[in-house]
Amino acid sequence: MKQIIDLRTGYHRLEERIRAHVILCRLALLLIRIIETTTGATWTTLRRELDRLHLGTFTGPTGLFRQVTALTKTQTDLLAKLGIPTPKQIIALEPTPR
């Protein structure tokens, strides 16, 4: 399980924190399995593809804007299979106050 969700050792001493950590790990593994079953691809492949999405923040004399990288066909297909709406390309526009 640690290899799939890329966990590092957690040092918890209190029983409730250990239980919470185990529950979160099981939830993460469940979500991974649901995503793999829905898309028919491995988690490694899906993660590599979706890790290529980035949010850039650009500042200029007229203000600031945040933009998502353009989606590839594979990314669009993955999001569609999972029922996740594609993100807008421009996330925020904030003009410089005058």
PDB file of N, CA and C in Angstrom:
ATOM      1  N   MET A   1       0.830  -1.187   0.000  1.00  0.00           N
ATOM      2  CA  MET A   1       0.000   0.000   0.000  1.00  0.00           C
ATOM      3  C   MET A   1       0.876   1.253   0.000  1.00  0.00           C
ATOM      4  N   LYS A   2       1.986   1.234   0.735  1.00  0.00           N
ATOM      5  CA  LYS A   2       2.838   2.417   0.808  1.00  0.00           C
ATOM      6  C   LYS A   2       3.420   2.776  -0.550  1.00  0.00           C
ATOM      7  N   GLN A   3       3.712   1.763  -1.373  1.00  0.00           N
ATOM      8  CA  GLN A   3       4.273   2.041  -2.687  1.00  0.00           C
ATOM      9  C   GLN A   3       3.257   2.713  -3.593  1.00  0.00           C
ATOM     10  N   ILE A   4       2.014   2.318  -3.509  1.00  0.00           N
ATOM     11  CA  ILE A   4       0.993   2.831  -4.409  1.00  0.00           C
ATOM     12  C   ILE A   4       0.697   4.293  -4.115  1.00  0.00           C
ATOM     13  N   ILE A   5       0.513   4.650  -2.846  1.00  0.00           N
ATOM     14  CA  ILE A   5       0.156   6.039  -2.527  1.00  0.00           C
ATOM     15  C   ILE A   5       1.353   6.846  -2.050  1.00  0.00           C
ATOM     16  N   ASP A   6       2.560   6.294  -2.193  1.00  0.00           N
ATOM     17  CA  ASP A   6       3.804   7.018  -1.946  1.00  0.00           C
ATOM     18  C   ASP A   6       3.847   7.601  -0.534  1.00  0.00           C
ATOM     19  N   LEU A   7       3.666   6.735   0.459  1.00  0.00           N
ATOM     20  CA  LEU A   7       3.675   7.176   1.855  1.00  0.00           C
ATOM     21  C   LEU A   7       5.073   7.134   2.434  1.00  0.00           C
ATOM     22  N   ARG A   8       5.295   8.026   3.373  1.00  0.00           N
ATOM     23  CA  ARG A   8       6.506   7.972   4.163  1.00  0.00           C
ATOM     24  C   ARG A   8       6.113   7.548   5.571  1.00  0.00           C
ATOM     25  N   THR A   9       7.082   7.152   6.340  1.00  0.00           N
ATOM     26  CA  THR A   9       6.817   6.721   7.702  1.00  0.00           C
ATOM     27  C   THR A   9       6.256   7.875   8.515  1.00  0.00           C
ATOM     28  N   GLY A  10       5.185   7.599   9.244  1.00  0.00           N
ATOM     29  CA  GLY A  10       4.597   8.607  10.121  1.00  0.00           C
ATOM     30  C   GLY A  10       4.902   8.247  11.563  1.00  0.00           C
ATOM     31  N   TYR A  11       5.318   9.211  12.328  1.00  0.00           N
ATOM     32  CA  TYR A  11       5.654   8.958  13.724  1.00  0.00           C
ATOM     33  C   TYR A  11       4.553   9.517  14.608  1.00  0.00           C
ATOM     34  N   HIS A  12       3.619   8.651  14.970  1.00  0.00           N
ATOM     35  CA  HIS A  12       2.519   9.046  15.843  1.00  0.00           C
ATOM     36  C   HIS A  12       2.637   8.243  17.133  1.00  0.00           C
ATOM     37  N   ARG A  13       2.374   8.898  18.247  1.00  0.00           N
ATOM     38  CA  ARG A  13       2.436   8.196  19.523  1.00  0.00           C
ATOM     39  C   ARG A  13       1.048   7.985  20.111  1.00  0.00           C
ATOM     40  N   LEU A  14       0.153   8.923  19.849  1.00  0.00           N
ATOM     41  CA  LEU A  14      -1.190   8.812  20.421  1.00  0.00           C
ATOM     42  C   LEU A  14      -2.034   7.863  19.570  1.00  0.00           C
ATOM     43  N   GLU A  15      -2.807   7.019  20.253  1.00  0.00           N
ATOM     44  CA  GLU A  15      -3.602   6.002  19.565  1.00  0.00           C
ATOM     45  C   GLU A  15      -4.583   6.625  18.568  1.00  0.00           C
ATOM     46  N   GLU A  16      -5.233   7.733  18.931  1.00  0.00           N
ATOM     47  CA  GLU A  16      -6.210   8.331  18.009  1.00  0.00           C
ATOM     48  C   GLU A  16      -5.545   8.871  16.743  1.00  0.00           C
ATOM     49  N   ARG A  17      -4.313   9.326  16.852  1.00  0.00           N
ATOM     50  CA  ARG A  17      -3.602   9.805  15.653  1.00  0.00           C
ATOM     51  C   ARG A  17      -3.184   8.640  14.766  1.00  0.00           C
ATOM     52  N   ILE A  18      -2.790   7.544  15.382  1.00  0.00           N
ATOM     53  CA  ILE A  18      -2.442   6.350  14.606  1.00  0.00           C
ATOM     54  C   ILE A  18      -3.670   5.840  13.863  1.00  0.00           C
ATOM     55  N   ARG A  19      -4.804   5.772  14.554  1.00  0.00           N
ATOM     56  CA  ARG A  19      -6.048   5.326  13.909  1.00  0.00           C
ATOM     57  C   ARG A  19      -6.435   6.255  12.760  1.00  0.00           C
ATOM     58  N   ALA A  20      -6.332   7.571  12.996  1.00  0.00           N
ATOM     59  CA  ALA A  20      -6.673   8.541  11.950  1.00  0.00           C
ATOM     60  C   ALA A  20      -5.764   8.364  10.734  1.00  0.00           C
ATOM     61  N   HIS A  21      -4.485   8.132  10.982  1.00  0.00           N
ATOM     62  CA  HIS A  21      -3.528   7.949   9.887  1.00  0.00           C
ATOM     63  C   HIS A  21      -3.884   6.704   9.065  1.00  0.00           C
ATOM     64  N   VAL A  22      -4.202   5.623   9.737  1.00  0.00           N
ATOM     65  CA  VAL A  22      -4.561   4.382   9.044  1.00  0.00           C
ATOM     66  C   VAL A  22      -5.844   4.564   8.244  1.00  0.00           C
ATOM     67  N   ILE A  23      -6.825   5.246   8.815  1.00  0.00           N
ATOM     68  CA  ILE A  23      -8.084   5.492   8.100  1.00  0.00           C
ATOM     69  C   ILE A  23      -7.846   6.335   6.861  1.00  0.00           C
ATOM     70  N   LEU A  24      -7.021   7.373   6.979  1.00  0.00           N
ATOM     71  CA  LEU A  24      -6.719   8.209   5.807  1.00  0.00           C
ATOM     72  C   LEU A  24      -5.985   7.422   4.724  1.00  0.00           C
ATOM     73  N   CYS A  25      -5.091   6.549   5.123  1.00  0.00           N
ATOM     74  CA  CYS A  25      -4.382   5.707   4.144  1.00  0.00           C
ATOM     75  C   CYS A  25      -5.338   4.761   3.428  1.00  0.00           C
ATOM     76  N   ARG A  26      -6.250   4.175   4.177  1.00  0.00           N
ATOM     77  CA  ARG A  26      -7.239   3.274   3.565  1.00  0.00           C
ATOM     78  C   ARG A  26      -8.155   4.044   2.621  1.00  0.00           C
ATOM     79  N   LEU A  27      -8.554   5.241   3.003  1.00  0.00           N
ATOM     80  CA  LEU A  27      -9.396   6.079   2.147  1.00  0.00           C
ATOM     81  C   LEU A  27      -8.656   6.435   0.855  1.00  0.00           C
ATOM     82  N   ALA A  28      -7.376   6.792   0.968  1.00  0.00           N
ATOM     83  CA  ALA A  28      -6.583   7.114  -0.222  1.00  0.00           C
ATOM     84  C   ALA A  28      -6.493   5.912  -1.150  1.00  0.00           C
ATOM     85  N   LEU A  29      -6.254   4.727  -0.590  1.00  0.00           N
ATOM     86  CA  LEU A  29      -6.165   3.522  -1.409  1.00  0.00           C
ATOM     87  C   LEU A  29      -7.501   3.205  -2.074  1.00  0.00           C
ATOM     88  N   LEU A  30      -8.594   3.395  -1.354  1.00  0.00           N
ATOM     89  CA  LEU A  30      -9.920   3.175  -1.921  1.00  0.00           C
ATOM     90  C   LEU A  30     -10.173   4.118  -3.101  1.00  0.00           C
ATOM     91  N   LEU A  31      -9.831   5.387  -2.928  1.00  0.00           N
ATOM     92  CA  LEU A  31     -10.004   6.353  -4.024  1.00  0.00           C
ATOM     93  C   LEU A  31      -9.155   5.984  -5.238  1.00  0.00           C
ATOM     94  N   ILE A  32      -7.942   5.534  -4.986  1.00  0.00           N
ATOM     95  CA  ILE A  32      -7.074   5.116  -6.085  1.00  0.00           C
ATOM     96  C   ILE A  32      -7.689   3.937  -6.834  1.00  0.00           C
ATOM     97  N   ARG A  33      -8.188   2.961  -6.102  1.00  0.00           N
ATOM     98  CA  ARG A  33      -8.798   1.780  -6.737  1.00  0.00           C
ATOM     99  C   ARG A  33     -10.047   2.155  -7.532  1.00  0.00           C
ATOM    100  N   ILE A  34     -10.858   3.057  -7.016  1.00  0.00           N
ATOM    101  CA  ILE A  34     -12.051   3.508  -7.739  1.00  0.00           C
ATOM    102  C   ILE A  34     -11.641   4.202  -9.033  1.00  0.00           C
ATOM    103  N   ILE A  35     -10.634   5.051  -8.958  1.00  0.00           N
ATOM    104  CA  ILE A  35     -10.159   5.765 -10.154  1.00  0.00           C
ATOM    105  C   ILE A  35      -9.590   4.777 -11.168  1.00  0.00           C
ATOM    106  N   GLU A  36      -8.809   3.803 -10.717  1.00  0.00           N
ATOM    107  CA  GLU A  36      -8.252   2.803 -11.637  1.00  0.00           C
ATOM    108  C   GLU A  36      -9.352   1.986 -12.302  1.00  0.00           C
ATOM    109  N   THR A  37     -10.346   1.577 -11.534  1.00  0.00           N
ATOM    110  CA  THR A  37     -11.446   0.780 -12.071  1.00  0.00           C
ATOM    111  C   THR A  37     -12.270   1.584 -13.078  1.00  0.00           C
ATOM    112  N   THR A  38     -12.520   2.841 -12.763  1.00  0.00           N
ATOM    113  CA  THR A  38     -13.338   3.691 -13.631  1.00  0.00           C
ATOM    114  C   THR A  38     -12.639   3.990 -14.948  1.00  0.00           C
ATOM    115  N   THR A  39     -11.332   4.250 -14.897  1.00  0.00           N
ATOM    116  CA  THR A  39     -10.610   4.652 -16.109  1.00  0.00           C
ATOM    117  C   THR A  39      -9.978   3.487 -16.856  1.00  0.00           C
ATOM    118  N   GLY A  40      -9.738   2.369 -16.162  1.00  0.00           N
ATOM    119  CA  GLY A  40      -9.079   1.234 -16.805  1.00  0.00           C
ATOM    120  C   GLY A  40      -7.579   1.422 -16.960  1.00  0.00           C
ATOM    121  N   ALA A  41      -6.999   2.372 -16.236  1.00  0.00           N
ATOM    122  CA  ALA A  41      -5.556   2.632 -16.295  1.00  0.00           C
ATOM    123  C   ALA A  41      -4.960   2.476 -14.898  1.00  0.00           C
ATOM    124  N   THR A  42      -3.646   2.331 -14.845  1.00  0.00           N
ATOM    125  CA  THR A  42      -2.982   2.190 -13.545  1.00  0.00           C
ATOM    126  C   THR A  42      -2.810   3.560 -12.901  1.00  0.00           C
ATOM    127  N   TRP A  43      -2.669   3.556 -11.580  1.00  0.00           N
ATOM    128  CA  TRP A  43      -2.490   4.806 -10.848  1.00  0.00           C
ATOM    129  C   TRP A  43      -1.215   5.524 -11.286  1.00  0.00           C
ATOM    130  N   THR A  44      -0.152   4.761 -11.544  1.00  0.00           N
ATOM    131  CA  THR A  44       1.107   5.372 -11.982  1.00  0.00           C
ATOM    132  C   THR A  44       0.909   6.150 -13.272  1.00  0.00           C
ATOM    133  N   THR A  45       0.205   5.560 -14.217  1.00  0.00           N
ATOM    134  CA  THR A  45      -0.059   6.222 -15.501  1.00  0.00           C
ATOM    135  C   THR A  45      -0.933   7.451 -15.315  1.00  0.00           C
ATOM    136  N   LEU A  46      -1.988   7.309 -14.523  1.00  0.00           N
ATOM    137  CA  LEU A  46      -2.909   8.427 -14.291  1.00  0.00           C
ATOM    138  C   LEU A  46      -2.207   9.587 -13.591  1.00  0.00           C
ATOM    139  N   ARG A  47      -1.440   9.261 -12.578  1.00  0.00           N
ATOM    140  CA  ARG A  47      -0.749  10.311 -11.821  1.00  0.00           C
ATOM    141  C   ARG A  47       0.262  11.033 -12.701  1.00  0.00           C
ATOM    142  N   ARG A  48       1.013  10.286 -13.505  1.00  0.00           N
ATOM    143  CA  ARG A  48       1.995  10.905 -14.397  1.00  0.00           C
ATOM    144  C   ARG A  48       1.305  11.870 -15.370  1.00  0.00           C
ATOM    145  N   GLU A  49       0.176  11.446 -15.903  1.00  0.00           N
ATOM    146  CA  GLU A  49      -0.545  12.285 -16.863  1.00  0.00           C
ATOM    147  C   GLU A  49      -1.118  13.538 -16.195  1.00  0.00           C
ATOM    148  N   LEU A  50      -1.730  13.382 -15.036  1.00  0.00           N
ATOM    149  CA  LEU A  50      -2.362  14.527 -14.373  1.00  0.00           C
ATOM    150  C   LEU A  50      -1.349  15.444 -13.685  1.00  0.00           C
ATOM    151  N   ASP A  51      -0.150  14.924 -13.393  1.00  0.00           N
ATOM    152  CA  ASP A  51       0.906  15.773 -12.825  1.00  0.00           C
ATOM    153  C   ASP A  51       1.401  16.814 -13.828  1.00  0.00           C
ATOM    154  N   ARG A  52       1.058  16.633 -15.083  1.00  0.00           N
ATOM    155  CA  ARG A  52       1.474  17.602 -16.115  1.00  0.00           C
ATOM    156  C   ARG A  52       0.618  18.856 -16.120  1.00  0.00           C
ATOM    157  N   LEU A  53      -0.471  18.843 -15.373  1.00  0.00           N
ATOM    158  CA  LEU A  53      -1.306  20.040 -15.238  1.00  0.00           C
ATOM    159  C   LEU A  53      -0.649  21.006 -14.264  1.00  0.00           C
ATOM    160  N   HIS A  54      -0.570  22.263 -14.648  1.00  0.00           N
ATOM    161  CA  HIS A  54       0.050  23.269 -13.786  1.00  0.00           C
ATOM    162  C   HIS A  54      -0.783  24.537 -13.775  1.00  0.00           C
ATOM    163  N   LEU A  55      -0.666  25.276 -12.696  1.00  0.00           N
ATOM    164  CA  LEU A  55      -1.303  26.583 -12.573  1.00  0.00           C
ATOM    165  C   LEU A  55      -0.199  27.614 -12.517  1.00  0.00           C
ATOM    166  N   GLY A  56      -0.204  28.529 -13.472  1.00  0.00           N
ATOM    167  CA  GLY A  56       0.798  29.593 -13.503  1.00  0.00           C
ATOM    168  C   GLY A  56       0.202  30.906 -13.032  1.00  0.00           C
ATOM    169  N   THR A  57       0.969  31.651 -12.271  1.00  0.00           N
ATOM    170  CA  THR A  57       0.555  32.979 -11.823  1.00  0.00           C
ATOM    171  C   THR A  57       1.437  33.987 -12.539  1.00  0.00           C
ATOM    172  N   PHE A  58       0.809  34.917 -13.227  1.00  0.00           N
ATOM    173  CA  PHE A  58       1.535  35.898 -14.027  1.00  0.00           C
ATOM    174  C   PHE A  58       1.166  37.298 -13.550  1.00  0.00           C
ATOM    175  N   THR A  59       2.192  38.124 -13.337  1.00  0.00           N
ATOM    176  CA  THR A  59       1.987  39.489 -12.864  1.00  0.00           C
ATOM    177  C   THR A  59       2.597  40.451 -13.876  1.00  0.00           C
ATOM    178  N   GLY A  60       1.875  41.510 -14.163  1.00  0.00           N
ATOM    179  CA  GLY A  60       2.354  42.524 -15.078  1.00  0.00           C
ATOM    180  C   GLY A  60       1.895  43.894 -14.625  1.00  0.00           C
ATOM    181  N   PRO A  61       2.158  44.909 -15.416  1.00  0.00           N
ATOM    182  CA  PRO A  61       1.787  46.270 -15.026  1.00  0.00           C
ATOM    183  C   PRO A  61       0.272  46.473 -14.925  1.00  0.00           C
ATOM    184  N   THR A  62      -0.513  45.670 -15.630  1.00  0.00           N
ATOM    185  CA  THR A  62      -1.975  45.837 -15.580  1.00  0.00           C
ATOM    186  C   THR A  62      -2.633  44.975 -14.516  1.00  0.00           C
ATOM    187  N   GLY A  63      -1.873  44.050 -13.901  1.00  0.00           N
ATOM    188  CA  GLY A  63      -2.456  43.229 -12.843  1.00  0.00           C
ATOM    189  C   GLY A  63      -1.913  41.828 -12.832  1.00  0.00           C
ATOM    190  N   LEU A  64      -2.713  40.932 -12.292  1.00  0.00           N
ATOM    191  CA  LEU A  64      -2.308  39.554 -12.089  1.00  0.00           C
ATOM    192  C   LEU A  64      -3.354  38.626 -12.705  1.00  0.00           C
ATOM    193  N   PHE A  65      -2.898  37.527 -13.271  1.00  0.00           N
ATOM    194  CA  PHE A  65      -3.855  36.501 -13.690  1.00  0.00           C
ATOM    195  C   PHE A  65      -3.252  35.126 -13.472  1.00  0.00           C
ATOM    196  N   ARG A  66      -4.150  34.160 -13.249  1.00  0.00           N
ATOM    197  CA  ARG A  66      -3.755  32.769 -13.041  1.00  0.00           C
ATOM    198  C   ARG A  66      -4.333  31.936 -14.181  1.00  0.00           C
ATOM    199  N   GLN A  67      -3.470  31.105 -14.767  1.00  0.00           N
ATOM    200  CA  GLN A  67      -3.871  30.335 -15.936  1.00  0.00           C
ATOM    201  C   GLN A  67      -3.423  28.881 -15.787  1.00  0.00           C
ATOM    202  N   VAL A  68      -4.299  27.962 -16.185  1.00  0.00           N
ATOM    203  CA  VAL A  68      -4.001  26.524 -16.179  1.00  0.00           C
ATOM    204  C   VAL A  68      -3.424  26.154 -17.540  1.00  0.00           C
ATOM    205  N   THR A  69      -2.471  25.227 -17.542  1.00  0.00           N
ATOM    206  CA  THR A  69      -1.920  24.763 -18.812  1.00  0.00           C
ATOM    207  C   THR A  69      -3.039  24.115 -19.643  1.00  0.00           C
ATOM    208  N   ALA A  70      -2.881  24.142 -20.944  1.00  0.00           N
ATOM    209  CA  ALA A  70      -3.888  23.555 -21.838  1.00  0.00           C
ATOM    210  C   ALA A  70      -3.946  22.045 -21.621  1.00  0.00           C
ATOM    211  N   LEU A  71      -5.158  21.505 -21.593  1.00  0.00           N
ATOM    212  CA  LEU A  71      -5.344  20.071 -21.387  1.00  0.00           C
ATOM    213  C   LEU A  71      -5.007  19.299 -22.657  1.00  0.00           C
ATOM    214  N   THR A  72      -4.364  18.149 -22.463  1.00  0.00           N
ATOM    215  CA  THR A  72      -4.125  17.256 -23.591  1.00  0.00           C
ATOM    216  C   THR A  72      -5.381  16.415 -23.815  1.00  0.00           C
ATOM    217  N   LYS A  73      -5.429  15.717 -24.922  1.00  0.00           N
ATOM    218  CA  LYS A  73      -6.569  14.844 -25.217  1.00  0.00           C
ATOM    219  C   LYS A  73      -6.701  13.761 -24.141  1.00  0.00           C
ATOM    220  N   THR A  74      -5.581  13.199 -23.723  1.00  0.00           N
ATOM    221  CA  THR A  74      -5.594  12.150 -22.692  1.00  0.00           C
ATOM    222  C   THR A  74      -6.145  12.691 -21.379  1.00  0.00           C
ATOM    223  N   GLN A  75      -5.712  13.885 -20.969  1.00  0.00           N
ATOM    224  CA  GLN A  75      -6.203  14.493 -19.729  1.00  0.00           C
ATOM    225  C   GLN A  75      -7.698  14.776 -19.812  1.00  0.00           C
ATOM    226  N   THR A  76      -8.150  15.287 -20.935  1.00  0.00           N
ATOM    227  CA  THR A  76      -9.570  15.559 -21.134  1.00  0.00           C
ATOM    228  C   THR A  76     -10.390  14.274 -21.039  1.00  0.00           C
ATOM    229  N   ASP A  77      -9.886  13.201 -21.668  1.00  0.00           N
ATOM    230  CA  ASP A  77     -10.577  11.909 -21.618  1.00  0.00           C
ATOM    231  C   ASP A  77     -10.637  11.354 -20.193  1.00  0.00           C
ATOM    232  N   LEU A  78      -9.542  11.470 -19.446  1.00  0.00           N
ATOM    233  CA  LEU A  78      -9.512  10.989 -18.062  1.00  0.00           C
ATOM    234  C   LEU A  78     -10.520  11.727 -17.190  1.00  0.00           C
ATOM    235  N   LEU A  79     -10.543  13.049 -17.308  1.00  0.00           N
ATOM    236  CA  LEU A  79     -11.481  13.848 -16.515  1.00  0.00           C
ATOM    237  C   LEU A  79     -12.926  13.504 -16.886  1.00  0.00           C
ATOM    238  N   ALA A  80     -13.176  13.283 -18.171  1.00  0.00           N
ATOM    239  CA  ALA A  80     -14.529  12.927 -18.611  1.00  0.00           C
ATOM    240  C   ALA A  80     -14.951  11.573 -18.038  1.00  0.00           C
ATOM    241  N   LYS A  81     -14.051  10.579 -18.069  1.00  0.00           N
ATOM    242  CA  LYS A  81     -14.367   9.265 -17.517  1.00  0.00           C
ATOM    243  C   LYS A  81     -14.673   9.333 -16.023  1.00  0.00           C
ATOM    244  N   LEU A  82     -13.981  10.240 -15.323  1.00  0.00           N
ATOM    245  CA  LEU A  82     -14.181  10.380 -13.875  1.00  0.00           C
ATOM    246  C   LEU A  82     -15.332  11.309 -13.528  1.00  0.00           C
ATOM    247  N   GLY A  83     -15.927  11.946 -14.535  1.00  0.00           N
ATOM    248  CA  GLY A  83     -17.044  12.855 -14.280  1.00  0.00           C
ATOM    249  C   GLY A  83     -16.615  14.160 -13.641  1.00  0.00           C
ATOM    250  N   ILE A  84     -15.368  14.554 -13.875  1.00  0.00           N
ATOM    251  CA  ILE A  84     -14.837  15.806 -13.325  1.00  0.00           C
ATOM    252  C   ILE A  84     -14.863  16.850 -14.429  1.00  0.00           C
ATOM    253  N   PRO A  85     -15.493  18.005 -14.196  1.00  0.00           N
ATOM    254  CA  PRO A  85     -15.516  19.033 -15.239  1.00  0.00           C
ATOM    255  C   PRO A  85     -14.113  19.575 -15.510  1.00  0.00           C
ATOM    256  N   THR A  86     -13.850  19.884 -16.765  1.00  0.00           N
ATOM    257  CA  THR A  86     -12.538  20.437 -17.110  1.00  0.00           C
ATOM    258  C   THR A  86     -12.407  21.844 -16.521  1.00  0.00           C
ATOM    259  N   PRO A  87     -11.220  22.177 -16.012  1.00  0.00           N
ATOM    260  CA  PRO A  87     -11.041  23.505 -15.408  1.00  0.00           C
ATOM    261  C   PRO A  87     -11.010  24.589 -16.482  1.00  0.00           C
ATOM    262  N   LYS A  88     -11.434  25.787 -16.087  1.00  0.00           N
ATOM    263  CA  LYS A  88     -11.322  26.925 -16.994  1.00  0.00           C
ATOM    264  C   LYS A  88      -9.843  27.218 -17.199  1.00  0.00           C
ATOM    265  N   GLN A  89      -9.487  27.741 -18.362  1.00  0.00           N
ATOM    266  CA  GLN A  89      -8.077  28.019 -18.607  1.00  0.00           C
ATOM    267  C   GLN A  89      -7.615  29.233 -17.795  1.00  0.00           C
ATOM    268  N   ILE A  90      -8.436  30.285 -17.727  1.00  0.00           N
ATOM    269  CA  ILE A  90      -8.102  31.449 -16.903  1.00  0.00           C
ATOM    270  C   ILE A  90      -8.862  31.312 -15.590  1.00  0.00           C
ATOM    271  N   ILE A  91      -8.138  31.213 -14.497  1.00  0.00           N
ATOM    272  CA  ILE A  91      -8.742  30.998 -13.189  1.00  0.00           C
ATOM    273  C   ILE A  91      -9.107  32.327 -12.529  1.00  0.00           C
ATOM    274  N   ALA A  92      -8.208  33.305 -12.583  1.00  0.00           N
ATOM    275  CA  ALA A  92      -8.461  34.576 -11.901  1.00  0.00           C
ATOM    276  C   ALA A  92      -7.819  35.731 -12.652  1.00  0.00           C
ATOM    277  N   LEU A  93      -8.513  36.842 -12.653  1.00  0.00           N
ATOM    278  CA  LEU A  93      -7.989  38.101 -13.199  1.00  0.00           C
ATOM    279  C   LEU A  93      -8.125  39.153 -12.112  1.00  0.00           C
ATOM    280  N   GLU A  94      -7.023  39.763 -11.747  1.00  0.00           N
ATOM    281  CA  GLU A  94      -7.049  40.796 -10.711  1.00  0.00           C
ATOM    282  C   GLU A  94      -6.308  42.021 -11.222  1.00  0.00           C
ATOM    283  N   PRO A  95      -7.066  43.059 -11.611  1.00  0.00           N
ATOM    284  CA  PRO A  95      -6.388  44.264 -12.096  1.00  0.00           C
ATOM    285  C   PRO A  95      -5.635  44.982 -10.967  1.00  0.00           C
ATOM    286  N   THR A  96      -4.582  45.683 -11.356  1.00  0.00           N
ATOM    287  CA  THR A  96      -3.812  46.454 -10.392  1.00  0.00           C
ATOM    288  C   THR A  96      -4.644  47.634  -9.900  1.00  0.00           C
ATOM    289  N   PRO A  97      -4.757  47.815  -8.569  1.00  0.00           N
ATOM    290  CA  PRO A  97      -5.516  48.971  -8.069  1.00  0.00           C
ATOM    291  C   PRO A  97      -4.819  50.271  -8.475  1.00  0.00           C
ATOM    292  N   ARG A  98      -5.610  51.274  -8.798  1.00  0.00           N
ATOM    293  CA  ARG A  98      -5.045  52.576  -9.211  1.00  0.00           C
ATOM    294  C   ARG A  98      -5.131  53.588  -8.127  1.00  0.00           C
TER     295      ARG A  98
END
